[in-house]
Amino acid sequence: MSTIIAPLAYTGSTGMWALMTTAKTLLIEQNDYYQKQTLRNRTYIHGANGKLLLSVPIRHLGKTGHQHYSEVEIENSFAWQKQHWKSIQSAYRSSPYFEFYEDDISIFYKNKFSLLYVFNKAYFELLLKLLGWNPEVHYTGSYENLTNAKDIRSQIEKKEVNNKLALKYTQVFEDKNGFIPNLSILDLLFNEGPNTLSLLKTVV
């Protein structure tokens, strides 16, 4: 598939990234409405006790109707970034490549971000760089149904992975908890490092 229209998630799952890496051109949706309990502000990692949810807190402004994703504000009144980074460190400090990526990724847990979309976009662009993947990337000017692109925007709603997208690799706590599929791309990156992109491309 030459063009894929994709959602913008908090890091994004391995299944979502596997689908994206089949494209030469990525069209990232920036004009959708925000919905609660989706991967827009959630991601899952493999902690010592199993699957662990990290959720970016959102400011609830009391508005009626739908709110555009690009306008959603992060609730920074408590130390969610510190909590997330502590969880990531605990989960992956013993992984093969954590130290290799630690400095780049820690920025997202030290610098303050006001808008969820801005946070996720900056994270997405860093992940492209860390993966060593250089697709042509565009951002939507309006929300529309495109017939000339594969639409994977629904992946933002999915917390479980289709068996066809289940990527198998070695995880830090696999001996204790078993393998957990479709976690954050961070899980794959910290465990497989420079092999991450080639592994993603074997899935689809």
Protein backbone atom coordinates (compact mmCIF):
# COMPACT_ATOMS: atom_id res chain seq x y z
CA MET A 1 0.00 0.00 0.00
CA SER A 2 1.57 3.28 -1.09
CA THR A 3 -0.52 5.60 1.14
CA ILE A 4 -1.99 4.98 4.58
CA ILE A 5 -4.10 7.38 6.63
CA ALA A 6 -3.30 6.74 10.28
CA PRO A 7 -4.25 8.04 13.72
CA LEU A 8 -1.92 9.81 16.13
CA ALA A 9 -1.56 7.82 19.33
CA TYR A 10 0.40 8.04 22.57
CA THR A 11 3.43 6.13 21.21
CA GLY A 12 1.18 3.72 19.30
CA SER A 13 0.98 -0.07 19.53
CA THR A 14 3.21 -2.52 17.69
CA GLY A 15 0.21 -3.60 15.61
CA MET A 16 -0.50 -0.03 14.56
CA TRP A 17 3.13 0.57 13.65
CA ALA A 18 3.29 -2.70 11.70
CA LEU A 19 0.41 -1.48 9.54
CA MET A 20 1.99 1.95 9.09
CA THR A 21 5.32 0.54 7.94
CA THR A 22 3.66 -0.97 4.87
CA ALA A 23 3.22 2.57 3.49
CA LYS A 24 5.50 4.79 1.47
CA THR A 25 3.37 7.80 2.39
CA LEU A 26 1.71 8.39 5.75
CA LEU A 27 -1.21 10.77 6.12
CA ILE A 28 -1.66 11.49 9.82
CA GLU A 29 -5.15 12.43 10.98
CA GLN A 30 -5.21 15.70 12.91
CA ASN A 31 -8.83 16.72 12.47
CA ASP A 32 -10.72 13.98 14.29
CA TYR A 33 -12.73 14.33 17.48
CA TYR A 34 -11.29 13.26 20.80
CA GLN A 35 -12.82 10.14 22.36
CA LYS A 36 -12.21 8.84 25.85
CA GLN A 37 -10.54 5.51 26.61
CA THR A 38 -8.63 5.24 23.34
CA LEU A 39 -4.96 5.07 22.46
CA ARG A 40 -4.93 8.83 21.93
CA ASN A 41 -3.93 9.23 25.56
CA ARG A 42 -3.22 5.63 26.56
CA THR A 43 -0.45 3.13 25.98
CA TYR A 44 0.44 -0.24 27.47
CA ILE A 45 3.84 -1.50 28.59
CA HIS A 46 5.10 -4.78 30.10
CA GLY A 47 5.83 -4.26 33.76
CA ALA A 48 7.07 -6.68 36.39
CA ASN A 49 3.48 -7.64 37.24
CA GLY A 50 2.18 -7.84 33.67
CA LYS A 51 0.38 -5.46 31.32
CA LEU A 52 0.52 -1.90 32.64
CA LEU A 53 -1.59 1.02 31.45
CA LEU A 54 -0.07 4.49 31.16
CA SER A 55 -2.70 7.18 30.70
CA VAL A 56 -2.08 10.87 30.03
CA PRO A 57 -4.60 12.85 32.14
CA ILE A 58 -6.89 15.16 30.21
CA ARG A 59 -8.42 18.44 31.36
CA HIS A 60 -12.19 18.26 31.29
CA LEU A 61 -13.44 21.70 30.35
CA GLY A 62 -17.13 20.99 30.72
CA LYS A 63 -17.88 21.65 27.06
CA THR A 64 -20.93 20.10 25.48
CA GLY A 65 -20.57 18.08 22.31
CA HIS A 66 -17.39 16.75 20.78
CA GLN A 67 -14.01 18.34 21.26
CA HIS A 68 -11.44 18.39 18.49
CA TYR A 69 -8.40 16.24 19.26
CA SER A 70 -6.09 19.16 18.45
CA GLU A 71 -7.71 21.24 21.23
CA VAL A 72 -7.52 18.68 24.05
CA GLU A 73 -5.44 19.93 26.97
CA ILE A 74 -3.26 17.83 29.23
CA GLU A 75 -3.93 18.03 32.96
CA ASN A 76 -0.57 18.96 34.43
CA SER A 77 -1.69 19.67 37.97
CA PHE A 78 -0.05 16.47 39.21
CA ALA A 79 3.15 14.64 38.31
CA TRP A 80 1.88 12.19 35.69
CA GLN A 81 5.09 12.52 33.67
CA LYS A 82 7.19 11.51 36.66
CA GLN A 83 4.90 8.52 37.24
CA HIS A 84 5.04 7.40 33.61
CA TRP A 85 8.80 7.71 33.39
CA LYS A 86 9.29 5.84 36.66
CA SER A 87 7.09 3.02 35.30
CA ILE A 88 9.01 2.93 32.01
CA GLN A 89 12.34 2.85 33.81
CA SER A 90 11.19 0.05 36.13
CA ALA A 91 9.88 -1.97 33.19
CA TYR A 92 12.80 -1.55 30.80
CA ARG A 93 16.00 -0.55 32.58
CA SER A 94 17.24 -4.14 32.21
CA SER A 95 16.23 -4.40 28.54
CA PRO A 96 19.01 -4.61 25.93
CA TYR A 97 18.50 -1.15 24.41
CA PHE A 98 16.98 1.02 27.13
CA GLU A 99 20.17 3.00 27.75
CA PHE A 100 20.55 3.54 23.99
CA TYR A 101 17.21 5.41 23.73
CA GLU A 102 16.77 6.69 27.29
CA ASP A 103 18.02 10.26 26.79
CA ASP A 104 15.82 10.94 23.75
CA ILE A 105 12.64 9.51 25.22
CA SER A 106 13.07 10.99 28.70
CA ILE A 107 12.52 14.46 27.21
CA PHE A 108 8.80 13.71 26.96
CA TYR A 109 8.67 13.16 30.69
CA LYS A 110 10.72 16.20 31.67
CA ASN A 111 9.38 18.97 29.40
CA LYS A 112 5.84 20.24 29.93
CA PHE A 113 3.28 19.93 27.14
CA SER A 114 -0.06 21.74 27.19
CA LEU A 115 -1.82 19.94 24.34
CA LEU A 116 -2.15 16.17 23.88
CA TYR A 117 -1.91 16.44 20.10
CA VAL A 118 1.36 18.40 20.28
CA PHE A 119 2.80 15.86 22.73
CA ASN A 120 1.82 12.88 20.57
CA LYS A 121 3.00 14.49 17.33
CA ALA A 122 6.44 15.28 18.76
CA TYR A 123 6.66 11.74 20.16
CA PHE A 124 5.65 10.26 16.79
CA GLU A 125 8.29 12.26 14.94
CA LEU A 126 10.98 11.16 17.40
CA LEU A 127 9.94 7.51 17.05
CA LEU A 128 10.26 7.76 13.26
CA LYS A 129 13.83 8.96 13.79
CA LEU A 130 14.68 6.27 16.34
CA LEU A 131 13.29 3.58 14.05
CA GLY A 132 15.38 4.88 11.17
CA TRP A 133 12.26 5.06 9.00
CA ASN A 134 11.73 7.94 6.58
CA PRO A 135 8.32 7.72 4.91
CA GLU A 136 6.78 10.76 3.29
CA VAL A 137 4.60 12.22 6.06
CA HIS A 138 1.68 14.62 5.65
CA TYR A 139 -0.99 15.82 8.07
CA THR A 140 -4.65 16.08 7.13
CA GLY A 141 -6.17 19.48 6.42
CA SER A 142 -9.69 18.26 7.13
CA TYR A 143 -11.47 15.08 8.15
CA GLU A 144 -12.61 13.08 5.17
CA ASN A 145 -12.99 9.60 3.77
CA LEU A 146 -10.20 8.92 1.30
CA THR A 147 -10.66 6.27 -1.36
CA ASN A 148 -7.04 6.33 -2.54
CA ALA A 149 -5.52 5.47 0.85
CA LYS A 150 -5.76 2.55 3.24
CA ASP A 151 -7.58 3.79 6.32
CA ILE A 152 -6.29 2.47 9.67
CA ARG A 153 -7.69 5.27 11.81
CA SER A 154 -9.84 2.74 13.70
CA GLN A 155 -6.66 1.30 15.22
CA ILE A 156 -6.76 4.17 17.72
CA GLU A 157 -9.71 2.42 19.39
CA LYS A 158 -8.14 -1.03 19.61
CA LYS A 159 -6.45 -2.23 22.77
CA GLU A 160 -6.14 -5.82 21.57
CA VAL A 161 -4.32 -7.00 18.47
CA ASN A 162 -5.61 -8.94 15.51
CA ASN A 163 -3.80 -12.30 15.47
CA LYS A 164 -2.50 -11.45 12.01
CA LEU A 165 -0.63 -8.48 13.53
CA ALA A 166 0.80 -10.33 16.52
CA LEU A 167 4.56 -9.76 16.48
CA LYS A 168 6.61 -12.18 18.57
CA TYR A 169 9.89 -11.15 20.19
CA THR A 170 11.65 -11.53 23.55
CA GLN A 171 10.28 -9.37 26.38
CA VAL A 172 12.01 -8.58 29.68
CA PHE A 173 9.42 -10.18 31.97
CA GLU A 174 8.26 -12.86 29.55
CA ASP A 175 9.57 -15.67 31.76
CA LYS A 176 7.34 -14.42 34.59
CA ASN A 177 4.21 -13.15 32.79
CA GLY A 178 4.34 -14.83 29.40
CA PHE A 179 4.44 -12.91 26.14
CA ILE A 180 2.06 -9.92 25.95
CA PRO A 181 1.19 -8.85 22.37
CA ASN A 182 0.47 -5.41 20.95
CA LEU A 183 2.10 -3.29 23.61
CA SER A 184 3.55 0.16 23.03
CA ILE A 185 6.17 0.44 20.30
CA LEU A 186 8.49 1.35 23.19
CA ASP A 187 8.37 -2.28 24.33
CA LEU A 188 9.66 -3.49 20.97
CA LEU A 189 12.19 -0.68 20.67
CA PHE A 190 13.76 -1.26 24.09
CA ASN A 191 13.92 -5.02 23.53
CA GLU A 192 14.98 -5.16 19.88
CA GLY A 193 16.65 -1.80 19.19
CA PRO A 194 17.88 -1.40 15.58
CA ASN A 195 15.98 -4.56 14.57
CA THR A 196 12.62 -2.93 15.35
CA LEU A 197 11.81 -1.62 11.88
CA SER A 198 12.72 -4.84 10.07
CA LEU A 199 10.61 -6.85 12.55
CA LEU A 200 7.60 -4.58 12.04
CA LYS A 201 7.85 -5.08 8.30
CA THR A 202 7.63 -8.86 8.66
CA VAL A 203 4.15 -8.74 10.16
CA VAL A 204 1.91 -7.56 7.30
